[in-house]
């Protein structure tokens, strides 16, 4: 059975893990990693002596966050290929670093492509480099979400193959308020029941034909979504949700980095 939740107005479900993959297919992983990570930056009053690395290259336990993330997918047997979208001036340096220090990641046919101004552009550039068939699965995962587990990855793959589109998600634990922003500040308009709210995580997984069609339609209409699932929802297709984890955090702020260090140690 599935428990209904809501996500951007589309019907979603916490899907039970599937037990059998119904047909042979390849799994392609796209990691958009071209962001600047401004929320991780130092205060404007600080004047660093040299340019700070993008957040995905900040070290966690002496290893770049992006490498921790890539290792999780390199260790996943079902993954056929990994495509990372990076800023143009970061591709050569990261490729050299991987070849010298982290060659195990290369086992998954690692590709590096130039990212775009927005996440959607980066994913589109990577999607154009895949050699996926219609029924293959494409996973999109945040570069700075390194604590994803093999179980979450497997469950998203299986749910995406069965339903066409799936994401990892976590139930909201705080009371959620809908507000209206005014000159005087934010005014509460309504309290949204937590039972109908899920906090979207990654990976998000899709059959290639479904994802490609949704991206093509978004480009044609000039639509920019907040994540890949929003493009599928816009197309009127259902997206299921499999259980994520409270540890599957996206490292965005210095406080997130402190929490990540704690998770790594424990």
Protein backbone atom coordinates (compact mmCIF):
# COMPACT_ATOMS: atom_id res chain seq x y z
CA UNK A 1 0.00 0.00 0.00
CA UNK A 2 1.02 3.62 -0.52
CA UNK A 3 0.45 6.61 1.74
CA UNK A 4 -0.60 9.75 -0.14
CA UNK A 5 1.33 12.98 0.33
CA UNK A 6 1.41 16.24 -1.62
CA UNK A 7 4.24 17.87 -3.56
CA UNK A 8 3.66 20.99 -5.66
CA UNK A 9 0.06 19.99 -6.23
CA UNK A 10 0.79 16.59 -7.76
CA UNK A 11 -0.30 13.26 -6.24
CA UNK A 12 2.68 11.47 -4.76
CA UNK A 13 3.14 8.38 -2.67
CA UNK A 14 5.58 6.87 -0.25
CA UNK A 15 6.27 3.78 -2.27
CA UNK A 16 7.19 0.49 -0.69
CA UNK A 17 10.52 -0.81 -2.05
CA UNK A 18 10.01 -2.96 -5.12
CA UNK A 19 11.36 -6.49 -4.92
CA UNK A 20 12.06 -7.23 -8.60
CA UNK A 21 13.31 -5.10 -11.47
CA UNK A 22 10.93 -5.89 -14.27
CA UNK A 23 13.28 -5.52 -17.25
CA UNK A 24 16.97 -5.10 -18.02
CA UNK A 25 17.95 -1.45 -18.16
CA UNK A 26 20.88 0.87 -17.61
CA UNK A 27 21.08 3.52 -14.92
CA UNK A 28 22.62 6.89 -15.72
CA UNK A 29 23.45 9.32 -12.91
CA UNK A 30 23.58 13.08 -13.43
CA UNK A 31 25.26 15.25 -10.81
CA UNK A 32 24.71 18.99 -11.38
CA UNK A 33 27.77 20.61 -9.76
CA UNK A 34 28.12 23.96 -11.47
CA UNK A 35 26.66 26.09 -8.69
CA UNK A 36 28.60 28.81 -6.92
CA UNK A 37 27.28 27.98 -3.46
CA UNK A 38 26.82 31.59 -2.35
CA UNK A 39 25.10 30.58 0.89
CA UNK A 40 28.31 28.82 1.91
CA UNK A 41 30.38 31.97 1.28
CA UNK A 42 32.11 34.00 3.94
CA UNK A 43 30.63 37.22 5.24
CA UNK A 44 30.90 40.23 2.89
CA UNK A 45 32.97 41.96 5.57
CA UNK A 46 35.61 39.23 5.32
CA UNK A 47 38.28 39.53 2.68
CA UNK A 48 39.73 36.11 1.85
CA UNK A 49 43.24 36.10 0.40
CA UNK A 50 42.23 33.77 -2.41
CA UNK A 51 39.07 32.68 -4.13
CA UNK A 52 37.14 30.19 -1.99
CA UNK A 53 36.32 26.85 -3.64
CA UNK A 54 32.76 26.17 -4.78
CA UNK A 55 30.83 24.39 -2.04
CA UNK A 56 30.98 21.03 -3.82
CA UNK A 57 34.80 21.18 -3.62
CA UNK A 58 34.98 22.08 0.05
CA UNK A 59 36.63 19.28 1.98
CA UNK A 60 34.72 17.04 4.35
CA UNK A 61 37.10 14.87 6.32
CA UNK A 62 39.90 15.89 3.95
CA UNK A 63 37.99 14.86 0.80
CA UNK A 64 35.88 17.10 -1.47
CA UNK A 65 32.15 16.81 -0.80
CA UNK A 66 31.59 16.02 -4.48
CA UNK A 67 33.93 13.03 -4.26
CA UNK A 68 32.01 11.64 -1.27
CA UNK A 69 28.84 11.93 -3.35
CA UNK A 70 30.33 10.36 -6.47
CA UNK A 71 31.68 7.43 -4.46
CA UNK A 72 28.15 6.50 -3.34
CA UNK A 73 27.06 6.04 -6.94
CA UNK A 74 30.33 4.47 -8.07
CA UNK A 75 29.72 1.81 -5.40
CA UNK A 76 26.20 1.10 -6.71
CA UNK A 77 26.28 -1.99 -8.98
CA UNK A 78 23.24 -0.91 -11.00
CA UNK A 79 24.85 2.37 -12.11
CA UNK A 80 26.19 2.27 -15.67
CA UNK A 81 27.44 5.82 -16.18
CA UNK A 82 27.92 9.03 -14.18
CA UNK A 83 27.81 12.48 -15.80
CA UNK A 84 28.95 15.48 -13.74
CA UNK A 85 28.08 19.01 -14.87
CA UNK A 86 30.77 21.48 -13.77
CA UNK A 87 31.78 25.04 -14.42
CA UNK A 88 34.03 25.18 -17.48
CA UNK A 89 37.10 26.36 -15.55
CA UNK A 90 36.77 23.54 -13.01
CA UNK A 91 36.54 20.55 -15.35
CA UNK A 92 40.23 20.01 -16.15
CA UNK A 93 41.40 20.38 -12.57
CA UNK A 94 38.76 18.05 -11.17
CA UNK A 95 39.38 15.45 -13.87
CA UNK A 96 43.09 15.43 -12.99
CA UNK A 97 42.32 15.15 -9.27
CA UNK A 98 39.98 12.20 -9.82
CA UNK A 99 42.48 10.38 -12.04
CA UNK A 100 45.29 10.82 -9.50
CA UNK A 101 43.48 10.48 -6.18
CA UNK A 102 40.11 8.82 -6.70
CA UNK A 103 40.40 6.47 -9.71
CA UNK A 104 37.71 4.16 -8.33
CA UNK A 105 35.11 6.69 -9.51
CA UNK A 106 36.24 6.18 -13.11
CA UNK A 107 34.84 2.65 -13.08
CA UNK A 108 31.39 4.03 -13.91
CA UNK A 109 32.25 5.62 -17.26
CA UNK A 110 32.61 9.04 -15.63
CA UNK A 111 31.91 11.98 -17.94
CA UNK A 112 32.33 15.67 -17.19
CA UNK A 113 30.31 18.27 -19.08
CA UNK A 114 29.98 22.01 -18.87
CA UNK A 115 27.11 23.12 -16.68
CA UNK A 116 24.74 26.02 -17.23
CA UNK A 117 23.57 29.09 -15.39
CA UNK A 118 20.77 27.19 -13.67
CA UNK A 119 20.43 23.63 -12.39
CA UNK A 120 17.97 22.84 -15.17
CA UNK A 121 20.50 23.95 -17.79
CA UNK A 122 23.21 21.78 -16.23
CA UNK A 123 20.99 18.71 -16.13
CA UNK A 124 19.91 19.33 -19.73
CA UNK A 125 23.56 19.51 -20.86
CA UNK A 126 24.32 16.25 -19.09
CA UNK A 127 21.15 14.62 -20.40
CA UNK A 128 22.24 15.45 -23.94
CA UNK A 129 25.45 13.46 -23.39
CA UNK A 130 23.75 10.26 -22.25
CA UNK A 131 23.28 7.35 -24.63
CA UNK A 132 20.17 6.18 -22.80
CA UNK A 133 17.35 4.19 -24.33
CA UNK A 134 13.71 5.07 -23.64
CA UNK A 135 13.34 2.60 -20.78
CA UNK A 136 16.65 3.34 -19.08
CA UNK A 137 16.65 5.17 -15.75
CA UNK A 138 18.19 8.58 -15.17
CA UNK A 139 18.96 9.63 -11.61
CA UNK A 140 19.65 13.27 -10.75
CA UNK A 141 21.38 13.89 -7.43
CA UNK A 142 22.62 17.00 -5.64
CA UNK A 143 26.41 17.29 -5.68
CA UNK A 144 26.42 18.32 -2.02
CA UNK A 145 24.19 15.56 -0.66
CA UNK A 146 26.94 13.04 0.24
CA UNK A 147 25.11 10.97 2.87
CA UNK A 148 22.67 9.27 0.52
CA UNK A 149 22.54 5.55 1.23
CA UNK A 150 22.67 2.56 -1.09
CA UNK A 151 19.16 1.64 0.08
CA UNK A 152 17.72 5.01 -0.93
CA UNK A 153 19.44 4.84 -4.32
CA UNK A 154 18.16 1.31 -4.96
CA UNK A 155 14.61 2.16 -3.90
CA UNK A 156 14.47 5.24 -6.15
CA UNK A 157 15.77 3.21 -9.11
CA UNK A 158 13.18 0.49 -8.58
CA UNK A 159 10.31 2.92 -8.02
CA UNK A 160 11.29 4.93 -11.11
CA UNK A 161 11.34 1.79 -13.22
CA UNK A 162 7.96 0.68 -11.93
CA UNK A 163 6.17 4.06 -11.95
CA UNK A 164 8.19 6.17 -14.42
CA UNK A 165 9.17 8.89 -11.93
CA UNK A 166 10.22 8.84 -8.28
CA UNK A 167 12.05 10.94 -5.73
CA UNK A 168 13.42 10.44 -2.25
CA UNK A 169 11.60 12.50 0.36
CA UNK A 170 11.24 12.99 4.08
CA UNK A 171 8.08 13.91 6.02
CA UNK A 172 7.97 17.46 7.37
CA UNK A 173 8.49 17.54 11.14
CA UNK A 174 7.97 21.26 11.79
CA UNK A 175 4.64 23.05 11.59
CA UNK A 176 4.37 24.54 8.10
CA UNK A 177 2.90 28.02 7.65
CA UNK A 178 1.78 29.61 4.39
CA UNK A 179 2.62 33.31 4.47
CA UNK A 180 2.06 36.47 2.48
CA UNK A 181 5.03 38.80 2.26
CA UNK A 182 4.24 42.46 2.79
CA UNK A 183 6.22 45.64 3.39
CA UNK A 184 5.65 45.13 7.10
CA UNK A 185 6.95 41.54 7.00
CA UNK A 186 5.53 38.06 6.50
CA UNK A 187 1.94 37.49 7.57
CA UNK A 188 0.59 33.99 8.20
CA UNK A 189 -2.26 33.08 5.87
CA UNK A 190 -2.75 29.42 6.77
CA UNK A 191 -1.30 26.41 8.56
CA UNK A 192 -0.65 23.51 6.20
CA UNK A 193 -1.20 20.02 7.69
CA UNK A 194 2.13 18.20 7.97
CA UNK A 195 0.54 14.97 6.74
CA UNK A 196 0.28 16.50 3.26
CA UNK A 197 3.86 17.80 3.11
CA UNK A 198 7.07 16.04 2.12
CA UNK A 199 10.53 17.59 2.00
CA UNK A 200 12.01 16.67 -1.38
CA UNK A 201 15.45 15.06 -1.42
CA UNK A 202 17.55 13.45 -4.10
CA UNK A 203 18.16 11.24 -5.96
CA UNK A 204 15.23 11.85 -8.23
CA UNK A 205 14.80 9.09 -10.79
CA UNK A 206 12.96 8.92 -14.10
CA UNK A 207 12.57 6.79 -17.17
CA UNK A 208 14.64 8.50 -19.84
CA UNK A 209 11.76 9.00 -22.28
CA UNK A 210 9.62 10.71 -19.63
CA UNK A 211 12.40 13.01 -18.44
CA UNK A 212 13.54 13.96 -21.94
CA UNK A 213 10.00 14.85 -23.02
CA UNK A 214 9.46 16.97 -19.90
CA UNK A 215 12.73 18.84 -20.49
CA UNK A 216 11.90 19.45 -24.16
CA UNK A 217 8.48 20.85 -23.21
CA UNK A 218 10.01 23.10 -20.53
CA UNK A 219 12.51 24.50 -23.03
CA UNK A 220 9.79 25.12 -25.61
CA UNK A 221 7.68 26.98 -23.06
CA UNK A 222 10.53 28.83 -21.36
CA UNK A 223 9.70 27.18 -18.03
CA UNK A 224 12.34 26.95 -15.28
CA UNK A 225 11.57 24.44 -12.54
CA UNK A 226 13.00 24.11 -9.06
CA UNK A 227 13.83 20.43 -9.55
CA UNK A 228 13.34 17.67 -12.10
CA UNK A 229 10.18 16.38 -10.46
CA UNK A 230 8.54 19.79 -10.99
CA UNK A 231 8.95 19.33 -14.75
CA UNK A 232 7.25 15.94 -14.60
CA UNK A 233 4.45 17.32 -12.43
CA UNK A 234 3.99 20.15 -14.92
CA UNK A 235 3.47 17.54 -17.63
CA UNK A 236 0.63 16.10 -15.57
CA UNK A 237 2.37 12.84 -14.73
CA UNK A 238 2.48 11.23 -11.27
CA UNK A 239 5.68 11.14 -9.24
CA UNK A 240 6.03 8.71 -6.37
CA UNK A 241 8.05 9.31 -3.23
CA UNK A 242 10.22 6.71 -1.51
CA UNK A 243 11.44 7.22 2.01
CA UNK A 244 14.64 9.22 2.26
CA UNK A 245 16.55 9.89 5.46
CA UNK A 246 17.02 12.79 7.89
CA UNK A 247 20.77 12.27 7.37
CA UNK A 248 20.46 12.76 3.60
CA UNK A 249 21.12 16.48 4.00
CA UNK A 250 22.07 19.02 1.36
CA UNK A 251 25.17 20.89 2.54
CA UNK A 252 24.30 24.50 1.79
CA UNK A 253 25.35 26.64 4.75
CA UNK A 254 28.25 26.66 7.24
CA UNK A 255 25.87 25.15 9.81
CA UNK A 256 25.17 22.27 7.41
CA UNK A 257 28.90 21.75 7.11
CA UNK A 258 29.23 21.40 10.88
CA UNK A 259 26.43 18.83 10.91
CA UNK A 260 28.07 16.97 8.02
CA UNK A 261 31.34 16.76 9.93
CA UNK A 262 29.41 15.27 12.86
CA UNK A 263 27.69 12.71 10.63
CA UNK A 264 31.02 11.75 9.05
CA UNK A 265 32.64 11.16 12.43
CA UNK A 266 29.74 9.17 13.84
